[in-house]
Amino acid sequence: MQSQTGSACNVCHHPSSTSNAGNCYKVALAARINAGQTIAQALASVEGLDSDNDGFSNLDEILRVRTDPPAGIGYNPGLIGAAGTDPCGSNPSSAVTNQRETPVAACYANCDGSTTTPVLNVNDFTCFLNQFAAGDTRANCDGSTTAPMLNVNDFTCFLNQFAIGCS
């Protein structure tokens, strides 16, 4: 699968060098290939996984239409956040692509993904608080890239998103 945001190599490797160890998506693929799967089998078996743990499946990230620069189709399924950091890399807080690599959720404040009315409720606050307490990058509402990435600004961002509501 080739993302339009980069070459086929850059889906697994950092854009700066294809000789590096690779990102979380590559780790997932390599594990399956090392277990005896063909490349096609490995690709199919990781489609539904969330290798970078950003809340989106690998296939969804690869095929999702980008609403931000560089536009086109495809987020990197092994990188996360506003600057494309590699949670599986030796320096997980260092920017790799300097572009958003986690798709924006349809309604950020709907943290629990509920579909029944009211969609936004106390469960979304609980969900956000649990993500924040666990250090989950999905709680990085403001998309900050400097330490500490999770801070009071994320609470303010979440409250603002909740107040806007879901359309």
N, C-alpha and C. Protein backbone atom coordinates (compact mmCIF):
# COMPACT_ATOMS: atom_id res chain seq x y z
N MET A 1 0.84 -1.19 0.00
CA MET A 1 0.00 0.00 0.00
C MET A 1 0.88 1.24 0.00
N GLN A 2 0.60 2.13 -0.89
CA GLN A 2 1.42 3.33 -0.98
C GLN A 2 0.59 4.56 -0.65
N SER A 3 1.06 5.29 0.30
CA SER A 3 0.42 6.55 0.67
C SER A 3 0.82 7.61 -0.33
N GLN A 4 -0.11 8.49 -0.68
CA GLN A 4 0.23 9.57 -1.60
C GLN A 4 1.07 10.64 -0.93
N THR A 5 1.25 10.54 0.38
CA THR A 5 2.05 11.54 1.07
C THR A 5 3.53 11.18 1.07
N GLY A 6 3.88 10.08 0.45
CA GLY A 6 5.28 9.70 0.41
C GLY A 6 5.46 8.43 -0.37
N SER A 7 6.69 8.02 -0.56
CA SER A 7 6.94 6.80 -1.31
C SER A 7 6.52 5.60 -0.49
N ALA A 8 6.45 4.45 -1.13
CA ALA A 8 6.09 3.22 -0.44
C ALA A 8 7.07 2.96 0.71
N CYS A 9 8.32 3.32 0.53
CA CYS A 9 9.32 3.11 1.59
C CYS A 9 8.99 3.93 2.84
N ASN A 10 8.48 5.16 2.62
CA ASN A 10 8.22 6.04 3.75
C ASN A 10 7.00 5.65 4.57
N VAL A 11 6.23 4.68 4.13
CA VAL A 11 5.13 4.20 4.96
C VAL A 11 5.72 3.42 6.14
N CYS A 12 6.83 2.75 5.94
CA CYS A 12 7.47 1.96 7.00
C CYS A 12 8.70 2.64 7.61
N HIS A 13 9.41 3.40 6.82
CA HIS A 13 10.65 4.03 7.26
C HIS A 13 10.46 5.53 7.39
N HIS A 14 11.30 6.17 8.17
CA HIS A 14 11.27 7.62 8.29
C HIS A 14 11.70 8.23 6.97
N PRO A 15 11.05 9.34 6.59
CA PRO A 15 11.41 9.98 5.31
C PRO A 15 12.88 10.38 5.21
N SER A 16 13.51 10.62 6.34
CA SER A 16 14.90 11.07 6.31
C SER A 16 15.86 9.97 5.88
N SER A 17 15.48 8.70 6.09
CA SER A 17 16.38 7.61 5.75
C SER A 17 15.63 6.29 5.75
N THR A 18 15.69 5.57 4.62
CA THR A 18 15.06 4.26 4.58
C THR A 18 15.95 3.19 5.19
N SER A 19 17.13 3.57 5.66
CA SER A 19 18.01 2.60 6.30
C SER A 19 17.79 2.51 7.81
N ASN A 20 16.90 3.35 8.36
CA ASN A 20 16.64 3.30 9.80
C ASN A 20 15.81 2.07 10.15
N ALA A 21 15.64 1.84 11.42
CA ALA A 21 14.93 0.65 11.89
C ALA A 21 13.47 0.60 11.47
N GLY A 22 12.87 1.73 11.21
CA GLY A 22 11.48 1.76 10.79
C GLY A 22 10.54 2.09 11.93
N ASN A 23 9.30 2.39 11.57
CA ASN A 23 8.32 2.83 12.56
C ASN A 23 7.46 1.67 13.07
N CYS A 24 6.44 1.98 13.85
CA CYS A 24 5.58 0.97 14.47
C CYS A 24 4.88 0.09 13.45
N TYR A 25 4.48 0.66 12.33
CA TYR A 25 3.83 -0.11 11.27
C TYR A 25 4.79 -1.15 10.71
N LYS A 26 6.05 -0.76 10.49
CA LYS A 26 7.05 -1.71 9.99
C LYS A 26 7.29 -2.82 11.00
N VAL A 27 7.31 -2.47 12.28
CA VAL A 27 7.52 -3.47 13.33
C VAL A 27 6.42 -4.53 13.26
N ALA A 28 5.17 -4.09 13.09
CA ALA A 28 4.04 -5.02 13.01
C ALA A 28 4.15 -5.91 11.77
N LEU A 29 4.53 -5.31 10.63
CA LEU A 29 4.69 -6.10 9.40
C LEU A 29 5.84 -7.09 9.53
N ALA A 30 6.97 -6.63 10.04
CA ALA A 30 8.14 -7.50 10.17
C ALA A 30 7.86 -8.69 11.07
N ALA A 31 7.11 -8.48 12.14
CA ALA A 31 6.79 -9.58 13.06
C ALA A 31 6.01 -10.68 12.33
N ARG A 32 5.10 -10.29 11.46
CA ARG A 32 4.31 -11.28 10.73
C ARG A 32 5.12 -11.96 9.64
N ILE A 33 5.97 -11.21 8.96
CA ILE A 33 6.82 -11.80 7.94
C ILE A 33 7.81 -12.77 8.58
N ASN A 34 8.37 -12.38 9.72
CA ASN A 34 9.29 -13.27 10.44
C ASN A 34 8.60 -14.52 10.96
N ALA A 35 7.27 -14.44 11.14
CA ALA A 35 6.49 -15.60 11.58
C ALA A 35 6.08 -16.49 10.41
N GLY A 36 6.50 -16.13 9.17
CA GLY A 36 6.26 -16.98 8.02
C GLY A 36 5.21 -16.50 7.05
N GLN A 37 4.58 -15.34 7.32
CA GLN A 37 3.58 -14.84 6.38
C GLN A 37 4.26 -14.21 5.17
N THR A 38 3.58 -14.25 4.03
CA THR A 38 4.07 -13.54 2.86
C THR A 38 3.82 -12.05 3.09
N ILE A 39 4.38 -11.21 2.24
CA ILE A 39 4.16 -9.76 2.37
C ILE A 39 2.67 -9.45 2.24
N ALA A 40 2.01 -10.08 1.26
CA ALA A 40 0.58 -9.85 1.06
C ALA A 40 -0.22 -10.27 2.29
N GLN A 41 0.12 -11.41 2.87
CA GLN A 41 -0.58 -11.88 4.08
C GLN A 41 -0.32 -10.93 5.24
N ALA A 42 0.91 -10.48 5.39
CA ALA A 42 1.26 -9.57 6.49
C ALA A 42 0.52 -8.25 6.35
N LEU A 43 0.47 -7.71 5.12
CA LEU A 43 -0.26 -6.45 4.90
C LEU A 43 -1.73 -6.61 5.27
N ALA A 44 -2.32 -7.73 4.84
CA ALA A 44 -3.73 -7.96 5.14
C ALA A 44 -3.96 -8.14 6.64
N SER A 45 -3.03 -8.78 7.32
CA SER A 45 -3.25 -9.05 8.75
C SER A 45 -3.04 -7.84 9.65
N VAL A 46 -2.37 -6.79 9.16
CA VAL A 46 -2.19 -5.59 9.99
C VAL A 46 -3.13 -4.45 9.61
N GLU A 47 -3.95 -4.64 8.56
CA GLU A 47 -4.86 -3.57 8.13
C GLU A 47 -5.74 -3.05 9.26
N GLY A 48 -6.31 -3.95 10.05
CA GLY A 48 -7.24 -3.56 11.10
C GLY A 48 -6.57 -3.15 12.40
N LEU A 49 -5.25 -3.32 12.50
CA LEU A 49 -4.52 -2.94 13.72
C LEU A 49 -4.30 -1.44 13.77
N ASP A 50 -3.96 -0.98 14.95
CA ASP A 50 -3.60 0.42 15.16
C ASP A 50 -2.15 0.41 15.65
N SER A 51 -1.21 0.24 14.73
CA SER A 51 0.20 0.04 15.09
C SER A 51 0.79 1.16 15.92
N ASP A 52 0.39 2.41 15.66
CA ASP A 52 0.95 3.54 16.39
C ASP A 52 0.07 3.97 17.57
N ASN A 53 -1.02 3.25 17.79
CA ASN A 53 -1.90 3.47 18.94
C ASN A 53 -2.46 4.90 19.00
N ASP A 54 -2.89 5.39 17.84
CA ASP A 54 -3.46 6.75 17.81
C ASP A 54 -4.97 6.76 17.65
N GLY A 55 -5.59 5.58 17.71
CA GLY A 55 -7.04 5.49 17.64
C GLY A 55 -7.59 5.26 16.25
N PHE A 56 -6.72 5.06 15.25
CA PHE A 56 -7.15 4.83 13.88
C PHE A 56 -6.47 3.58 13.35
N SER A 57 -7.20 2.74 12.64
CA SER A 57 -6.60 1.53 12.08
C SER A 57 -5.56 1.91 11.03
N ASN A 58 -4.62 1.00 10.81
CA ASN A 58 -3.58 1.24 9.80
C ASN A 58 -4.20 1.53 8.44
N LEU A 59 -5.18 0.72 8.03
CA LEU A 59 -5.80 0.92 6.73
C LEU A 59 -6.52 2.26 6.65
N ASP A 60 -7.21 2.63 7.73
CA ASP A 60 -7.90 3.92 7.75
C ASP A 60 -6.91 5.06 7.57
N GLU A 61 -5.77 4.98 8.24
CA GLU A 61 -4.77 6.05 8.10
C GLU A 61 -4.21 6.12 6.68
N ILE A 62 -3.95 4.98 6.08
CA ILE A 62 -3.37 4.96 4.75
C ILE A 62 -4.34 5.50 3.70
N LEU A 63 -5.64 5.22 3.87
CA LEU A 63 -6.62 5.59 2.86
C LEU A 63 -7.39 6.88 3.15
N ARG A 64 -7.24 7.43 4.35
CA ARG A 64 -8.03 8.61 4.73
C ARG A 64 -7.59 9.85 3.95
N VAL A 65 -8.57 10.60 3.47
CA VAL A 65 -8.29 11.86 2.78
C VAL A 65 -7.81 12.88 3.80
N ARG A 66 -6.70 13.52 3.49
CA ARG A 66 -6.13 14.53 4.39
C ARG A 66 -6.88 15.85 4.22
N THR A 67 -7.14 16.50 5.34
CA THR A 67 -7.78 17.82 5.30
C THR A 67 -6.76 18.92 5.60
N ASP A 68 -5.51 18.54 5.77
CA ASP A 68 -4.45 19.47 6.10
C ASP A 68 -3.32 19.33 5.08
N PRO A 69 -2.40 20.28 5.05
CA PRO A 69 -1.25 20.12 4.14
C PRO A 69 -0.49 18.85 4.51
N PRO A 70 -0.04 18.08 3.59
CA PRO A 70 0.09 18.34 2.17
C PRO A 70 -1.13 17.94 1.35
N ALA A 71 -2.27 17.73 1.99
CA ALA A 71 -3.50 17.30 1.33
C ALA A 71 -3.30 15.90 0.74
N GLY A 72 -4.08 15.54 -0.25
CA GLY A 72 -3.95 14.22 -0.84
C GLY A 72 -4.58 13.15 0.04
N ILE A 73 -4.04 11.95 -0.08
CA ILE A 73 -4.56 10.81 0.68
C ILE A 73 -3.43 10.21 1.48
N GLY A 74 -3.71 9.87 2.71
CA GLY A 74 -2.79 9.07 3.48
C GLY A 74 -2.05 9.76 4.61
N TYR A 75 -2.21 9.16 5.79
CA TYR A 75 -1.41 9.48 6.95
C TYR A 75 -0.47 8.30 7.15
N ASN A 76 0.60 8.49 7.86
CA ASN A 76 1.53 7.41 8.10
C ASN A 76 1.01 6.55 9.25
N PRO A 77 0.78 5.25 9.03
CA PRO A 77 0.22 4.39 10.07
C PRO A 77 1.20 4.02 11.18
N GLY A 78 2.43 4.50 11.10
CA GLY A 78 3.42 4.21 12.12
C GLY A 78 3.88 5.43 12.89
N LEU A 79 3.34 6.61 12.54
CA LEU A 79 3.73 7.86 13.18
C LEU A 79 2.50 8.54 13.75
N ILE A 80 2.70 9.40 14.75
CA ILE A 80 1.56 10.02 15.42
C ILE A 80 1.73 11.52 15.59
N GLY A 81 0.62 12.17 15.86
CA GLY A 81 0.61 13.54 16.31
C GLY A 81 0.83 14.58 15.24
N ALA A 82 0.97 15.82 15.71
CA ALA A 82 1.06 16.99 14.84
C ALA A 82 2.38 17.08 14.09
N ALA A 83 3.42 16.41 14.57
CA ALA A 83 4.73 16.49 13.91
C ALA A 83 5.22 15.13 13.44
N GLY A 84 4.34 14.13 13.46
CA GLY A 84 4.74 12.81 12.99
C GLY A 84 5.85 12.20 13.80
N THR A 85 5.63 12.03 15.10
CA THR A 85 6.64 11.39 15.94
C THR A 85 6.48 9.87 15.87
N ASP A 86 7.53 9.15 16.21
CA ASP A 86 7.55 7.69 16.12
C ASP A 86 7.53 7.09 17.53
N PRO A 87 6.36 6.62 18.00
CA PRO A 87 6.29 6.06 19.34
C PRO A 87 7.11 4.79 19.52
N CYS A 88 7.53 4.15 18.44
CA CYS A 88 8.35 2.94 18.53
C CYS A 88 9.84 3.24 18.31
N GLY A 89 10.17 4.49 18.03
CA GLY A 89 11.54 4.86 17.73
C GLY A 89 12.38 5.08 18.98
N SER A 90 13.65 5.30 18.76
CA SER A 90 14.57 5.52 19.89
C SER A 90 14.35 6.87 20.55
N ASN A 91 13.75 7.83 19.82
CA ASN A 91 13.44 9.14 20.39
C ASN A 91 11.98 9.46 20.06
N PRO A 92 11.03 8.91 20.86
CA PRO A 92 9.61 9.02 20.52
C PRO A 92 9.03 10.42 20.52
N SER A 93 9.74 11.41 21.02
CA SER A 93 9.21 12.78 21.01
C SER A 93 9.81 13.64 19.90
N SER A 94 10.69 13.05 19.12
CA SER A 94 11.34 13.79 18.04
C SER A 94 10.48 13.75 16.77
N ALA A 95 10.28 14.92 16.15
CA ALA A 95 9.50 15.01 14.92
C ALA A 95 10.18 14.25 13.80
N VAL A 96 9.38 13.53 13.02
CA VAL A 96 9.91 12.78 11.89
C VAL A 96 9.49 13.44 10.58
N THR A 97 8.21 13.77 10.44
CA THR A 97 7.72 14.34 9.18
C THR A 97 7.39 15.82 9.27
N ASN A 98 7.27 16.36 10.47
CA ASN A 98 6.86 17.75 10.68
C ASN A 98 5.51 18.05 10.04
N GLN A 99 4.65 17.05 9.99
CA GLN A 99 3.27 17.24 9.54
C GLN A 99 2.39 16.29 10.35
N ARG A 100 1.13 16.62 10.45
CA ARG A 100 0.19 15.81 11.23
C ARG A 100 0.14 14.40 10.66
N GLU A 101 0.31 13.41 11.54
CA GLU A 101 0.24 12.01 11.12
C GLU A 101 -0.86 11.25 11.86
N THR A 102 -1.67 11.95 12.63
CA THR A 102 -2.85 11.35 13.23
C THR A 102 -4.05 12.07 12.64
N PRO A 103 -4.96 11.33 11.99
CA PRO A 103 -6.14 11.98 11.43
C PRO A 103 -6.95 12.68 12.52
N VAL A 104 -7.64 13.73 12.13
CA VAL A 104 -8.50 14.44 13.05
C VAL A 104 -9.81 13.66 13.14
N ALA A 105 -10.24 13.36 14.34
CA ALA A 105 -11.49 12.62 14.53
C ALA A 105 -12.66 13.45 14.03
N ALA A 106 -13.71 12.78 13.62
CA ALA A 106 -14.89 13.46 13.10
C ALA A 106 -15.43 14.45 14.14
N CYS A 107 -15.43 14.07 15.38
CA CYS A 107 -15.85 14.96 16.46
C CYS A 107 -14.97 14.66 17.66
N TYR A 108 -13.95 15.47 17.84
CA TYR A 108 -12.96 15.20 18.88
C TYR A 108 -13.58 15.05 20.26
N ALA A 109 -14.58 15.88 20.58
CA ALA A 109 -15.16 15.84 21.93
C ALA A 109 -15.92 14.55 22.20
N ASN A 110 -16.31 13.82 21.17
CA ASN A 110 -17.00 12.55 21.35
C ASN A 110 -15.95 11.47 21.61
N CYS A 111 -15.26 11.60 22.70
CA CYS A 111 -14.12 10.75 23.05
C CYS A 111 -14.49 9.27 23.11
N ASP A 112 -15.68 8.97 23.61
CA ASP A 112 -16.08 7.56 23.76
C ASP A 112 -16.69 6.98 22.49
N GLY A 113 -16.84 7.80 21.45
CA GLY A 113 -17.35 7.32 20.18
C GLY A 113 -18.81 6.92 20.19
N SER A 114 -19.58 7.42 21.14
CA SER A 114 -21.00 7.03 21.24
C SER A 114 -21.80 7.58 20.06
N THR A 115 -22.89 6.89 19.76
CA THR A 115 -23.73 7.29 18.64
C THR A 115 -25.17 7.57 19.06
N THR A 116 -25.51 7.29 20.32
CA THR A 116 -26.87 7.55 20.79
C THR A 116 -26.97 8.95 21.38
N THR A 117 -28.14 9.54 21.30
CA THR A 117 -28.38 10.89 21.79
C THR A 117 -28.48 10.88 23.31
N PRO A 118 -27.86 11.81 24.00
CA PRO A 118 -26.94 12.84 23.50
C PRO A 118 -25.55 12.25 23.26
N VAL A 119 -24.98 12.57 22.12
CA VAL A 119 -23.67 12.04 21.76
C VAL A 119 -22.61 12.54 22.72
N LEU A 120 -22.69 13.82 23.09
CA LEU A 120 -21.74 14.39 24.06
C LEU A 120 -22.37 14.35 25.44
N ASN A 121 -21.66 13.69 26.37
CA ASN A 121 -22.17 13.57 27.74
C ASN A 121 -21.01 13.36 28.70
N VAL A 122 -21.32 13.08 29.95
CA VAL A 122 -20.30 12.93 30.98
C VAL A 122 -19.32 11.80 30.64
N ASN A 123 -19.75 10.82 29.87
CA ASN A 123 -18.84 9.73 29.50
C ASN A 123 -17.68 10.23 28.65
N ASP A 124 -17.90 11.29 27.89
CA ASP A 124 -16.81 11.86 27.09
C ASP A 124 -15.77 12.54 27.99
N PHE A 125 -16.24 13.20 29.05
CA PHE A 125 -15.31 13.78 30.02
C PHE A 125 -14.49 12.68 30.68
N THR A 126 -15.16 11.61 31.08
CA THR A 126 -14.47 10.49 31.72
C THR A 126 -13.45 9.87 30.78
N CYS A 127 -13.85 9.68 29.53
CA CYS A 127 -12.95 9.12 28.52
C CYS A 127 -11.71 10.00 28.36
N PHE A 128 -11.92 11.30 28.20
CA PHE A 128 -10.78 12.23 28.04
C PHE A 128 -9.88 12.19 29.27
N LEU A 129 -10.47 12.24 30.46
CA LEU A 129 -9.68 12.21 31.69
C LEU A 129 -8.86 10.93 31.80
N ASN A 130 -9.44 9.81 31.43
CA ASN A 130 -8.72 8.54 31.47
C ASN A 130 -7.56 8.53 30.47
N GLN A 131 -7.80 9.07 29.26
CA GLN A 131 -6.72 9.16 28.28
C GLN A 131 -5.60 10.06 28.80
N PHE A 132 -5.98 11.19 29.36
CA PHE A 132 -5.00 12.14 29.88
C PHE A 132 -4.18 11.50 31.00
N ALA A 133 -4.87 10.86 31.95
CA ALA A 133 -4.19 10.24 33.10
C ALA A 133 -3.25 9.12 32.66
N ALA A 134 -3.60 8.43 31.58
CA ALA A 134 -2.77 7.33 31.09
C ALA A 134 -1.63 7.82 30.20
N GLY A 135 -1.59 9.14 29.93
CA GLY A 135 -0.55 9.67 29.06
C GLY A 135 -0.79 9.33 27.59
N ASP A 136 -2.03 9.00 27.26
CA ASP A 136 -2.41 8.62 25.90
C ASP A 136 -2.32 9.83 24.99
N THR A 137 -1.66 9.69 23.84
CA THR A 137 -1.46 10.81 22.93
C THR A 137 -2.78 11.34 22.35
N ARG A 138 -3.84 10.55 22.41
CA ARG A 138 -5.14 11.04 21.92
C ARG A 138 -5.67 12.18 22.80
N ALA A 139 -5.15 12.33 24.02
CA ALA A 139 -5.56 13.42 24.90
C ALA A 139 -4.83 14.72 24.55
N ASN A 140 -3.92 14.69 23.59
CA ASN A 140 -3.18 15.88 23.17
C ASN A 140 -4.06 16.69 22.22
N CYS A 141 -5.14 17.25 22.77
CA CYS A 141 -6.16 17.96 22.00
C CYS A 141 -5.58 19.14 21.22
N ASP A 142 -4.64 19.86 21.79
CA ASP A 142 -4.11 21.04 21.12
C ASP A 142 -2.99 20.71 20.13
N GLY A 143 -2.61 19.44 20.03
CA GLY A 143 -1.61 19.03 19.06
C GLY A 143 -0.21 19.51 19.36
N SER A 144 0.08 19.86 20.61
CA SER A 144 1.41 20.37 20.95
C SER A 144 2.48 19.29 20.76
N THR A 145 3.69 19.73 20.48
CA THR A 145 4.80 18.80 20.24
C THR A 145 5.95 18.99 21.22
N THR A 146 5.86 20.01 22.08
CA THR A 146 6.92 20.24 23.05
C THR A 146 6.51 19.68 24.41
N ALA A 147 7.47 19.23 25.16
CA ALA A 147 7.20 18.63 26.48
C ALA A 147 6.79 19.71 27.48
N PRO A 148 5.87 19.43 28.34
CA PRO A 148 5.03 18.23 28.35
C PRO A 148 3.91 18.36 27.33
N MET A 149 3.74 17.35 26.49
CA MET A 149 2.72 17.43 25.44
C MET A 149 1.31 17.44 26.04
N LEU A 150 1.11 16.73 27.13
CA LEU A 150 -0.19 16.76 27.80
C LEU A 150 -0.12 17.76 28.95
N ASN A 151 -0.97 18.79 28.86
CA ASN A 151 -0.94 19.84 29.88
C ASN A 151 -2.31 20.50 29.98
N VAL A 152 -2.40 21.57 30.76
CA VAL A 152 -3.67 22.24 30.98
C VAL A 152 -4.29 22.76 29.68
N ASN A 153 -3.48 23.05 28.69
CA ASN A 153 -4.01 23.51 27.41
C ASN A 153 -4.88 22.44 26.74
N ASP A 154 -4.57 21.17 27.00
CA ASP A 154 -5.40 20.09 26.44
C ASP A 154 -6.77 20.06 27.10
N PHE A 155 -6.83 20.37 28.40
CA PHE A 155 -8.13 20.46 29.08
C PHE A 155 -8.96 21.60 28.48
N THR A 156 -8.33 22.74 28.29
CA THR A 156 -9.03 23.89 27.70
C THR A 156 -9.50 23.56 26.30
N CYS A 157 -8.65 22.93 25.51
CA CYS A 157 -8.99 22.54 24.15
C CYS A 157 -10.19 21.59 24.16
N PHE A 158 -10.15 20.58 25.04
CA PHE A 158 -11.26 19.63 25.11
C PHE A 158 -12.56 20.34 25.50
N LEU A 159 -12.50 21.21 26.49
CA LEU A 159 -13.70 21.94 26.91
C LEU A 159 -14.27 22.77 25.77
N ASN A 160 -13.40 23.42 25.01
CA ASN A 160 -13.84 24.21 23.87
C ASN A 160 -14.47 23.32 22.79
N GLN A 161 -13.85 22.18 22.53
CA GLN A 161 -14.40 21.25 21.55
C GLN A 161 -15.77 20.72 22.01
N PHE A 162 -15.89 20.45 23.30
CA PHE A 162 -17.15 19.97 23.86
C PHE A 162 -18.23 21.05 23.72
N ALA A 163 -17.85 22.30 24.00
CA ALA A 163 -18.81 23.41 23.92
C ALA A 163 -19.29 23.63 22.48
N ILE A 164 -18.39 23.42 21.51
CA ILE A 164 -18.77 23.57 20.11
C ILE A 164 -19.79 22.49 19.71
N GLY A 165 -19.60 21.31 20.27
CA GLY A 165 -20.51 20.20 19.97
C GLY A 165 -20.13 19.47 18.70
N CYS A 166 -20.93 18.48 18.37
CA CYS A 166 -20.73 17.69 17.18
C CYS A 166 -21.85 17.99 16.20
N SER A 167 -21.49 18.23 14.96
CA SER A 167 -22.54 18.53 13.98
C SER A 167 -22.87 17.30 13.16
